[in-house]
Protein backbone atom coordinates (compact mmCIF):
# COMPACT_ATOMS: atom_id res chain seq x y z
CA UNK A 1 -8.04 -5.13 -23.97
CA UNK A 2 -8.49 -2.67 -21.15
CA UNK A 3 -7.47 -3.73 -17.61
CA UNK A 4 -9.28 -1.97 -15.03
CA UNK A 5 -7.98 -0.75 -12.04
CA UNK A 6 -10.01 -3.35 -9.94
CA UNK A 7 -8.80 -6.24 -11.69
CA UNK A 8 -4.80 -4.97 -11.70
CA UNK A 9 -5.07 -4.40 -7.99
CA UNK A 10 -7.03 -7.60 -7.27
CA UNK A 11 -4.26 -9.50 -9.28
CA UNK A 12 -1.52 -7.88 -7.39
CA UNK A 13 -2.95 -9.09 -4.13
CA UNK A 14 -4.01 -12.64 -5.33
CA UNK A 15 -0.62 -13.37 -7.03
CA UNK A 16 2.04 -10.82 -5.63
CA UNK A 17 1.21 -10.63 -1.45
CA UNK A 18 -0.11 -14.19 -1.40
CA UNK A 19 1.73 -16.62 1.24
CA UNK A 20 2.36 -18.62 -1.74
CA UNK A 21 4.86 -16.49 -3.31
CA UNK A 22 5.71 -13.80 0.03
CA UNK A 23 6.35 -16.75 2.41
CA UNK A 24 9.84 -17.45 0.95
CA UNK A 25 10.64 -13.43 0.94
CA UNK A 26 8.56 -11.74 3.55
CA UNK A 27 8.74 -8.89 1.64
CA UNK A 28 5.05 -7.63 2.50
CA UNK A 29 4.53 -7.64 6.12
CA UNK A 30 1.34 -5.66 6.35
CA UNK A 31 -1.51 -6.06 3.75
CA UNK A 32 -4.74 -4.15 3.81
CA UNK A 33 -6.81 -6.56 1.25
CA UNK A 34 -9.97 -4.91 1.92
CA UNK A 35 -9.14 -1.43 2.09
CA UNK A 36 -7.39 -1.74 -1.12
CA UNK A 37 -10.54 -3.57 -3.04
CA UNK A 38 -12.84 -0.75 -1.85
CA UNK A 39 -10.34 1.42 -3.42
CA UNK A 40 -9.81 -0.08 -7.07
CA UNK A 41 -13.62 0.02 -6.91
CA UNK A 42 -13.75 3.65 -6.10
CA UNK A 43 -11.04 4.31 -8.08
CA UNK A 44 -12.72 2.43 -11.43
CA UNK A 45 -16.13 4.46 -10.88
CA UNK A 46 -14.01 7.61 -10.78
CA UNK A 47 -12.30 6.92 -13.71
CA UNK A 48 -15.19 5.79 -15.80
CA UNK A 49 -16.98 9.00 -14.65
CA UNK A 50 -14.30 11.36 -15.89
CA UNK A 51 -12.79 12.14 -12.54
CA UNK A 52 -9.03 11.22 -11.87
CA UNK A 53 -8.17 11.56 -8.31
CA UNK A 54 -4.08 12.49 -9.65
CA UNK A 55 -1.24 11.24 -11.46
CA UNK A 56 -1.34 7.88 -9.34
CA UNK A 57 -4.78 7.11 -9.54
CA UNK A 58 -5.42 3.53 -9.40
CA UNK A 59 -1.91 2.51 -9.19
CA UNK A 60 -0.51 0.11 -6.42
CA UNK A 61 1.51 1.34 -4.31
CA UNK A 62 3.74 -0.21 -1.22
CA UNK A 63 6.37 1.37 1.27
CA UNK A 64 8.66 0.41 3.52
CA UNK A 65 7.24 -0.20 7.70
CA UNK A 66 8.78 3.08 8.58
CA UNK A 67 6.62 5.06 6.78
CA UNK A 68 2.91 5.60 8.98
CA UNK A 69 0.26 4.39 6.82
CA UNK A 70 -2.84 5.42 9.14
CA UNK A 71 -5.00 2.25 10.87
CA UNK A 72 -1.91 -0.04 9.71
CA UNK A 73 0.89 -1.39 12.45
CA UNK A 74 3.58 0.79 12.39
CA UNK A 75 6.66 -1.48 13.56
CA UNK A 76 10.00 0.28 12.34
CA UNK A 77 11.25 -2.94 11.99
CA UNK A 78 10.18 -4.85 15.69
CA UNK A 79 8.38 -7.39 15.73
CA UNK A 80 6.75 -6.44 19.16
CA UNK A 81 5.63 -3.39 18.11
CA UNK A 82 2.96 -4.88 15.87
CA UNK A 83 -0.03 -3.92 18.10
CA UNK A 84 0.89 -0.16 17.59
CA UNK A 85 -1.06 1.30 14.55
CA UNK A 86 -0.50 4.43 13.46
CA UNK A 87 -2.81 7.53 14.37
CA UNK A 88 -1.89 9.37 10.79
CA UNK A 89 -0.38 8.92 7.57
CA UNK A 90 3.58 10.08 7.57
CA UNK A 91 4.52 13.05 5.26
CA UNK A 92 5.49 10.66 2.34
CA UNK A 93 2.33 8.66 2.67
CA UNK A 94 0.40 11.54 3.08
CA UNK A 95 1.91 13.05 -0.35
CA UNK A 96 1.15 9.76 -2.20
CA UNK A 97 -2.45 10.27 -0.87
CA UNK A 98 -2.57 13.53 -2.34
CA UNK A 99 -1.08 12.03 -5.40
CA UNK A 100 -4.03 9.95 -6.00
CA UNK A 101 -3.15 6.43 -4.18
CA UNK A 102 -2.72 5.50 -0.70
CA UNK A 103 -0.54 2.36 -0.04
CA UNK A 104 -1.99 -0.44 1.08
CA UNK A 105 0.82 -2.70 1.32
CA UNK A 106 3.93 -2.21 3.73
CA UNK A 107 7.43 -4.12 3.13
CA UNK A 108 9.76 -5.47 5.42
CA UNK A 109 12.45 -3.13 6.46
CA UNK A 110 15.52 -3.39 9.11
CA UNK A 111 14.71 -2.71 12.54
CA UNK A 112 15.33 1.30 13.33
CA UNK A 113 15.69 2.21 9.44
CA UNK A 114 16.51 5.85 9.29
CA UNK A 115 15.37 6.92 5.84
CA UNK A 116 12.15 7.46 4.27
CA UNK A 117 13.05 7.26 0.91
CA UNK A 118 12.05 3.69 0.37
CA UNK A 119 8.82 4.12 -1.87
CA UNK A 120 8.41 1.38 -4.56
CA UNK A 121 5.85 1.24 -7.22
CA UNK A 122 4.34 -2.25 -7.99
């Protein structure tokens, strides 16, 4: 049985990121479910047409919140900054985009984290 990118992504969002699981650990502080669903649908369509976007085509990716993701809150771990949204991707995020997959989940981090090396593939 072949698992589509859309089914995999929907499963990630619906099972891993729901409050049922995340409420206990607060691992994911920002989710971009609608854009993730649209991206997964586009990834499936592209793959079906024989086109891939790079080595991370369709792979669900999450980053620590000290990495700016365009349009999503950029807080550096400070709740007071939840209204601040990134105007552009950070260098790390742009590299993920260039490899075929922008992150759609942002993980919690301590206030004023000083490293942008916290990349986790889910």
